[in-house]
């Protein structure tokens, strides 16, 4: 399911499974929930510590991919 622009599904499970109950929230609300230690955050793909740990592939001008750590929002 596609999220409307500016919204994300909370939680978006990192293991790819479907969340029993999910809500559409803004990135600002997502960050607020993380600061307040919302109980579903550690299993979410948008969880800040997970985003820092998980490398993403960046393609430089030469076309060769290399892993880099993504920055937390």
PDB file of N, CA and C in Angstrom:
ATOM      1  N   UNK A   1       0.845  -1.193   0.000  1.00  0.00           N
ATOM      2  CA  UNK A   1       0.000   0.000   0.000  1.00  0.00           C
ATOM      3  C   UNK A   1       0.882   1.245   0.000  1.00  0.00           C
ATOM      4  N   UNK A   2       0.587   2.176  -0.878  1.00  0.00           N
ATOM      5  CA  UNK A   2       1.337   3.422  -0.955  1.00  0.00           C
ATOM      6  C   UNK A   2       0.792   4.411   0.071  1.00  0.00           C
ATOM      7  N   UNK A   3       1.698   5.152   0.690  1.00  0.00           N
ATOM      8  CA  UNK A   3       1.303   6.181   1.644  1.00  0.00           C
ATOM      9  C   UNK A   3       1.093   7.496   0.906  1.00  0.00           C
ATOM     10  N   UNK A   4       0.127   8.301   1.341  1.00  0.00           N
ATOM     11  CA  UNK A   4      -0.026   9.632   0.759  1.00  0.00           C
ATOM     12  C   UNK A   4       1.264  10.429   0.979  1.00  0.00           C
ATOM     13  N   UNK A   5       1.542  11.377   0.108  1.00  0.00           N
ATOM     14  CA  UNK A   5       2.778  12.153   0.209  1.00  0.00           C
ATOM     15  C   UNK A   5       2.888  12.827   1.575  1.00  0.00           C
ATOM     16  N   UNK A   6       4.067  12.704   2.180  1.00  0.00           N
ATOM     17  CA  UNK A   6       4.321  13.317   3.478  1.00  0.00           C
ATOM     18  C   UNK A   6       3.933  12.452   4.665  1.00  0.00           C
ATOM     19  N   UNK A   7       3.325  11.291   4.400  1.00  0.00           N
ATOM     20  CA  UNK A   7       2.908  10.413   5.487  1.00  0.00           C
ATOM     21  C   UNK A   7       3.658   9.091   5.411  1.00  0.00           C
ATOM     22  N   UNK A   8       3.780   8.449   6.551  1.00  0.00           N
ATOM     23  CA  UNK A   8       4.359   7.110   6.608  1.00  0.00           C
ATOM     24  C   UNK A   8       3.479   6.243   7.488  1.00  0.00           C
ATOM     25  N   UNK A   9       3.566   4.953   7.265  1.00  0.00           N
ATOM     26  CA  UNK A   9       2.793   4.003   8.046  1.00  0.00           C
ATOM     27  C   UNK A   9       3.523   3.739   9.350  1.00  0.00           C
ATOM     28  N   UNK A  10       2.826   3.810  10.458  1.00  0.00           N
ATOM     29  CA  UNK A  10       3.403   3.615  11.778  1.00  0.00           C
ATOM     30  C   UNK A  10       2.750   2.413  12.443  1.00  0.00           C
ATOM     31  N   UNK A  11       3.522   1.371  12.721  1.00  0.00           N
ATOM     32  CA  UNK A  11       4.914   1.162  12.345  1.00  0.00           C
ATOM     33  C   UNK A  11       5.011   0.532  10.966  1.00  0.00           C
ATOM     34  N   UNK A  12       6.139   0.747  10.311  1.00  0.00           N
ATOM     35  CA  UNK A  12       6.496   0.035   9.086  1.00  0.00           C
ATOM     36  C   UNK A  12       7.519  -0.992   9.532  1.00  0.00           C
ATOM     37  N   UNK A  13       7.090  -2.219   9.707  1.00  0.00           N
ATOM     38  CA  UNK A  13       7.946  -3.231  10.319  1.00  0.00           C
ATOM     39  C   UNK A  13       9.199  -3.503   9.501  1.00  0.00           C
ATOM     40  N   UNK A  14      10.332  -3.558  10.182  1.00  0.00           N
ATOM     41  CA  UNK A  14      11.623  -3.789   9.539  1.00  0.00           C
ATOM     42  C   UNK A  14      11.720  -5.190   8.960  1.00  0.00           C
ATOM     43  N   UNK A  15      10.962  -6.147   9.510  1.00  0.00           N
ATOM     44  CA  UNK A  15      11.027  -7.524   9.003  1.00  0.00           C
ATOM     45  C   UNK A  15      10.107  -7.745   7.804  1.00  0.00           C
ATOM     46  N   UNK A  16       9.409  -6.693   7.377  1.00  0.00           N
ATOM     47  CA  UNK A  16       8.540  -6.786   6.210  1.00  0.00           C
ATOM     48  C   UNK A  16       7.146  -7.311   6.509  1.00  0.00           C
ATOM     49  N   UNK A  17       6.905  -7.721   7.746  1.00  0.00           N
ATOM     50  CA  UNK A  17       5.589  -8.224   8.127  1.00  0.00           C
ATOM     51  C   UNK A  17       4.561  -7.108   8.212  1.00  0.00           C
ATOM     52  N   UNK A  18       3.311  -7.499   8.165  1.00  0.00           N
ATOM     53  CA  UNK A  18       2.230  -6.521   8.292  1.00  0.00           C
ATOM     54  C   UNK A  18       2.002  -6.198   9.763  1.00  0.00           C
ATOM     55  N   UNK A  19       1.803  -4.928  10.063  1.00  0.00           N
ATOM     56  CA  UNK A  19       1.491  -4.510  11.429  1.00  0.00           C
ATOM     57  C   UNK A  19       0.014  -4.790  11.696  1.00  0.00           C
ATOM     58  N   UNK A  20      -0.284  -5.270  12.883  1.00  0.00           N
ATOM     59  CA  UNK A  20      -1.669  -5.569  13.242  1.00  0.00           C
ATOM     60  C   UNK A  20      -2.514  -4.299  13.180  1.00  0.00           C
ATOM     61  N   UNK A  21      -1.985  -3.233  13.751  1.00  0.00           N
ATOM     62  CA  UNK A  21      -2.658  -1.934  13.717  1.00  0.00           C
ATOM     63  C   UNK A  21      -1.625  -0.911  13.272  1.00  0.00           C
ATOM     64  N   UNK A  22      -1.898  -0.207  12.184  1.00  0.00           N
ATOM     65  CA  UNK A  22      -0.985   0.808  11.678  1.00  0.00           C
ATOM     66  C   UNK A  22      -1.751   2.099  11.421  1.00  0.00           C
ATOM     67  N   UNK A  23      -1.041   3.202  11.509  1.00  0.00           N
ATOM     68  CA  UNK A  23      -1.628   4.530  11.306  1.00  0.00           C
ATOM     69  C   UNK A  23      -0.779   5.286  10.307  1.00  0.00           C
ATOM     70  N   UNK A  24      -1.377   6.232   9.614  1.00  0.00           N
ATOM     71  CA  UNK A  24      -0.644   7.133   8.731  1.00  0.00           C
ATOM     72  C   UNK A  24      -0.280   8.357   9.565  1.00  0.00           C
ATOM     73  N   UNK A  25       1.033   8.642   9.665  1.00  0.00           N
ATOM     74  CA  UNK A  25       1.477   9.784  10.459  1.00  0.00           C
ATOM     75  C   UNK A  25       2.521  10.579   9.676  1.00  0.00           C
ATOM     76  N   UNK A  26       2.749  11.818  10.095  1.00  0.00           N
ATOM     77  CA  UNK A  26       3.778  12.650   9.485  1.00  0.00           C
ATOM     78  C   UNK A  26       5.138  12.277  10.052  1.00  0.00           C
ATOM     79  N   UNK A  27       6.206  12.706   9.371  1.00  0.00           N
ATOM     80  CA  UNK A  27       7.549  12.443   9.874  1.00  0.00           C
ATOM     81  C   UNK A  27       7.748  13.123  11.232  1.00  0.00           C
ATOM     82  N   UNK A  28       7.204  14.319  11.420  1.00  0.00           N
ATOM     83  CA  UNK A  28       7.328  15.021  12.700  1.00  0.00           C
ATOM     84  C   UNK A  28       6.678  14.218  13.824  1.00  0.00           C
ATOM     85  N   UNK A  29       5.504  13.642  13.560  1.00  0.00           N
ATOM     86  CA  UNK A  29       4.821  12.826  14.572  1.00  0.00           C
ATOM     87  C   UNK A  29       5.633  11.561  14.851  1.00  0.00           C
ATOM     88  N   UNK A  30       6.236  10.993  13.811  1.00  0.00           N
ATOM     89  CA  UNK A  30       7.088   9.814  13.966  1.00  0.00           C
ATOM     90  C   UNK A  30       8.246  10.130  14.917  1.00  0.00           C
ATOM     91  N   UNK A  31       8.899  11.260  14.700  1.00  0.00           N
ATOM     92  CA  UNK A  31      10.019  11.648  15.556  1.00  0.00           C
ATOM     93  C   UNK A  31       9.566  11.889  16.987  1.00  0.00           C
ATOM     94  N   UNK A  32       8.380  12.480  17.161  1.00  0.00           N
ATOM     95  CA  UNK A  32       7.822  12.719  18.498  1.00  0.00           C
ATOM     96  C   UNK A  32       7.595  11.394  19.213  1.00  0.00           C
ATOM     97  N   UNK A  33       7.028  10.412  18.503  1.00  0.00           N
ATOM     98  CA  UNK A  33       6.797   9.101  19.110  1.00  0.00           C
ATOM     99  C   UNK A  33       8.110   8.449  19.521  1.00  0.00           C
ATOM    100  N   UNK A  34       9.141   8.582  18.687  1.00  0.00           N
ATOM    101  CA  UNK A  34      10.435   8.004  19.043  1.00  0.00           C
ATOM    102  C   UNK A  34      11.006   8.663  20.292  1.00  0.00           C
ATOM    103  N   UNK A  35      10.900   9.983  20.384  1.00  0.00           N
ATOM    104  CA  UNK A  35      11.401  10.687  21.576  1.00  0.00           C
ATOM    105  C   UNK A  35      10.650  10.253  22.829  1.00  0.00           C
ATOM    106  N   UNK A  36       9.373   9.905  22.674  1.00  0.00           N
ATOM    107  CA  UNK A  36       8.552   9.497  23.816  1.00  0.00           C
ATOM    108  C   UNK A  36       8.596   7.990  24.057  1.00  0.00           C
ATOM    109  N   UNK A  37       9.486   7.269  23.343  1.00  0.00           N
ATOM    110  CA  UNK A  37       9.685   5.824  23.510  1.00  0.00           C
ATOM    111  C   UNK A  37       8.414   5.016  23.264  1.00  0.00           C
ATOM    112  N   UNK A  38       7.719   5.335  22.167  1.00  0.00           N
ATOM    113  CA  UNK A  38       6.523   4.599  21.764  1.00  0.00           C
ATOM    114  C   UNK A  38       6.883   3.122  21.615  1.00  0.00           C
ATOM    115  N   UNK A  39       6.089   2.225  22.123  1.00  0.00           N
ATOM    116  CA  UNK A  39       6.455   0.808  22.217  1.00  0.00           C
ATOM    117  C   UNK A  39       6.648   0.107  20.877  1.00  0.00           C
ATOM    118  N   UNK A  40       6.124   0.633  19.776  1.00  0.00           N
ATOM    119  CA  UNK A  40       6.294  -0.020  18.471  1.00  0.00           C
ATOM    120  C   UNK A  40       7.530   0.468  17.722  1.00  0.00           C
ATOM    121  N   UNK A  41       8.165   1.524  18.163  1.00  0.00           N
ATOM    122  CA  UNK A  41       9.289   2.112  17.427  1.00  0.00           C
ATOM    123  C   UNK A  41      10.468   1.165  17.203  1.00  0.00           C
ATOM    124  N   UNK A  42      10.912   0.373  18.184  1.00  0.00           N
ATOM    125  CA  UNK A  42      12.090  -0.470  17.939  1.00  0.00           C
ATOM    126  C   UNK A  42      11.916  -1.494  16.821  1.00  0.00           C
ATOM    127  N   UNK A  43      10.696  -1.822  16.443  1.00  0.00           N
ATOM    128  CA  UNK A  43      10.474  -2.783  15.354  1.00  0.00           C
ATOM    129  C   UNK A  43      10.258  -2.101  14.005  1.00  0.00           C
ATOM    130  N   UNK A  44      10.316  -0.779  13.975  1.00  0.00           N
ATOM    131  CA  UNK A  44       9.995  -0.010  12.765  1.00  0.00           C
ATOM    132  C   UNK A  44      11.234   0.299  11.932  1.00  0.00           C
ATOM    133  N   UNK A  45      11.058   0.287  10.623  1.00  0.00           N
ATOM    134  CA  UNK A  45      12.140   0.601   9.695  1.00  0.00           C
ATOM    135  C   UNK A  45      12.578   2.063   9.834  1.00  0.00           C
ATOM    136  N   UNK A  46      11.732   2.940  10.331  1.00  0.00           N
ATOM    137  CA  UNK A  46      12.045   4.362  10.483  1.00  0.00           C
ATOM    138  C   UNK A  46      12.689   4.685  11.834  1.00  0.00           C
ATOM    139  N   UNK A  47      12.899   3.685  12.676  1.00  0.00           N
ATOM    140  CA  UNK A  47      13.503   3.884  14.005  1.00  0.00           C
ATOM    141  C   UNK A  47      14.911   4.448  13.826  1.00  0.00           C
ATOM    142  N   UNK A  48      15.203   5.606  14.391  1.00  0.00           N
ATOM    143  CA  UNK A  48      16.466   6.307  14.157  1.00  0.00           C
ATOM    144  C   UNK A  48      17.714   5.446  14.378  1.00  0.00           C
ATOM    145  N   UNK A  49      17.860   4.708  15.490  1.00  0.00           N
ATOM    146  CA  UNK A  49      19.070   3.882  15.647  1.00  0.00           C
ATOM    147  C   UNK A  49      19.218   2.842  14.535  1.00  0.00           C
ATOM    148  N   UNK A  50      18.133   2.305  14.019  1.00  0.00           N
ATOM    149  CA  UNK A  50      18.193   1.330  12.932  1.00  0.00           C
ATOM    150  C   UNK A  50      18.669   2.023  11.656  1.00  0.00           C
ATOM    151  N   UNK A  51      18.211   3.225  11.392  1.00  0.00           N
ATOM    152  CA  UNK A  51      18.595   3.952  10.187  1.00  0.00           C
ATOM    153  C   UNK A  51      20.096   4.245  10.193  1.00  0.00           C
ATOM    154  N   UNK A  52      20.679   4.496  11.347  1.00  0.00           N
ATOM    155  CA  UNK A  52      22.109   4.771  11.442  1.00  0.00           C
ATOM    156  C   UNK A  52      22.909   3.490  11.229  1.00  0.00           C
ATOM    157  N   UNK A  53      22.412   2.351  11.742  1.00  0.00           N
ATOM    158  CA  UNK A  53      23.120   1.079  11.639  1.00  0.00           C
ATOM    159  C   UNK A  53      23.048   0.468  10.246  1.00  0.00           C
ATOM    160  N   UNK A  54      21.961   0.682   9.517  1.00  0.00           N
ATOM    161  CA  UNK A  54      21.714   0.022   8.244  1.00  0.00           C
ATOM    162  C   UNK A  54      22.373   0.786   7.103  1.00  0.00           C
ATOM    163  N   UNK A  55      23.356   0.175   6.431  1.00  0.00           N
ATOM    164  CA  UNK A  55      23.983   0.872   5.306  1.00  0.00           C
ATOM    165  C   UNK A  55      23.053   0.897   4.098  1.00  0.00           C
ATOM    166  N   UNK A  56      23.181   1.931   3.308  1.00  0.00           N
ATOM    167  CA  UNK A  56      22.442   2.024   2.056  1.00  0.00           C
ATOM    168  C   UNK A  56      23.469   2.096   0.928  1.00  0.00           C
ATOM    169  N   UNK A  57      23.052   1.786  -0.264  1.00  0.00           N
ATOM    170  CA  UNK A  57      23.974   1.849  -1.389  1.00  0.00           C
ATOM    171  C   UNK A  57      23.905   3.219  -2.037  1.00  0.00           C
ATOM    172  N   UNK A  58      25.068   3.812  -2.200  1.00  0.00           N
ATOM    173  CA  UNK A  58      25.169   5.114  -2.838  1.00  0.00           C
ATOM    174  C   UNK A  58      25.907   4.924  -4.142  1.00  0.00           C
ATOM    175  N   UNK A  59      25.398   5.493  -5.222  1.00  0.00           N
ATOM    176  CA  UNK A  59      26.051   5.351  -6.523  1.00  0.00           C
ATOM    177  C   UNK A  59      26.769   6.649  -6.869  1.00  0.00           C
ATOM    178  N   UNK A  60      28.093   6.645  -6.787  1.00  0.00           N
ATOM    179  CA  UNK A  60      28.846   7.829  -7.189  1.00  0.00           C
ATOM    180  C   UNK A  60      28.806   8.014  -8.708  1.00  0.00           C
ATOM    181  N   UNK A  61      29.348   9.104  -9.192  1.00  0.00           N
ATOM    182  CA  UNK A  61      29.314   9.429 -10.622  1.00  0.00           C
ATOM    183  C   UNK A  61      29.871   8.310 -11.494  1.00  0.00           C
ATOM    184  N   UNK A  62      30.856   7.549 -10.992  1.00  0.00           N
ATOM    185  CA  UNK A  62      31.460   6.475 -11.762  1.00  0.00           C
ATOM    186  C   UNK A  62      30.560   5.281 -11.964  1.00  0.00           C
ATOM    187  N   UNK A  63      29.428   5.201 -11.253  1.00  0.00           N
ATOM    188  CA  UNK A  63      28.466   4.122 -11.401  1.00  0.00           C
ATOM    189  C   UNK A  63      28.707   2.923 -10.500  1.00  0.00           C
ATOM    190  N   UNK A  64      29.801   2.903  -9.737  1.00  0.00           N
ATOM    191  CA  UNK A  64      30.091   1.782  -8.846  1.00  0.00           C
ATOM    192  C   UNK A  64      29.397   2.005  -7.506  1.00  0.00           C
ATOM    193  N   UNK A  65      28.690   1.000  -6.989  1.00  0.00           N
ATOM    194  CA  UNK A  65      27.979   1.123  -5.717  1.00  0.00           C
ATOM    195  C   UNK A  65      28.912   0.830  -4.564  1.00  0.00           C
ATOM    196  N   UNK A  66      28.710   1.543  -3.470  1.00  0.00           N
ATOM    197  CA  UNK A  66      29.460   1.266  -2.243  1.00  0.00           C
ATOM    198  C   UNK A  66      28.549   1.509  -1.049  1.00  0.00           C
ATOM    199  N   UNK A  67      28.655   0.703   0.025  1.00  0.00           N
ATOM    200  CA  UNK A  67      27.801   0.905   1.190  1.00  0.00           C
ATOM    201  C   UNK A  67      28.234   2.140   1.977  1.00  0.00           C
ATOM    202  N   UNK A  68      27.242   2.890   2.427  1.00  0.00           N
ATOM    203  CA  UNK A  68      27.480   4.037   3.298  1.00  0.00           C
ATOM    204  C   UNK A  68      26.405   4.038   4.370  1.00  0.00           C
ATOM    205  N   UNK A  69      26.726   4.552   5.548  1.00  0.00           N
ATOM    206  CA  UNK A  69      25.736   4.645   6.624  1.00  0.00           C
ATOM    207  C   UNK A  69      24.831   5.832   6.336  1.00  0.00           C
ATOM    208  N   UNK A  70      23.535   5.630   6.451  1.00  0.00           N
ATOM    209  CA  UNK A  70      22.605   6.730   6.222  1.00  0.00           C
ATOM    210  C   UNK A  70      22.475   7.549   7.498  1.00  0.00           C
ATOM    211  N   UNK A  71      22.272   8.829   7.357  1.00  0.00           N
ATOM    212  CA  UNK A  71      22.154   9.734   8.485  1.00  0.00           C
ATOM    213  C   UNK A  71      20.739   9.687   9.053  1.00  0.00           C
ATOM    214  N   UNK A  72      20.630   9.841  10.345  1.00  0.00           N
ATOM    215  CA  UNK A  72      19.324   9.882  10.993  1.00  0.00           C
ATOM    216  C   UNK A  72      18.674  11.225  10.726  1.00  0.00           C
ATOM    217  N   UNK A  73      17.337  11.274  10.525  1.00  0.00           N
ATOM    218  CA  UNK A  73      16.668  12.530  10.272  1.00  0.00           C
ATOM    219  C   UNK A  73      16.655  13.419  11.479  1.00  0.00           C
TER     220      UNK A  73
END
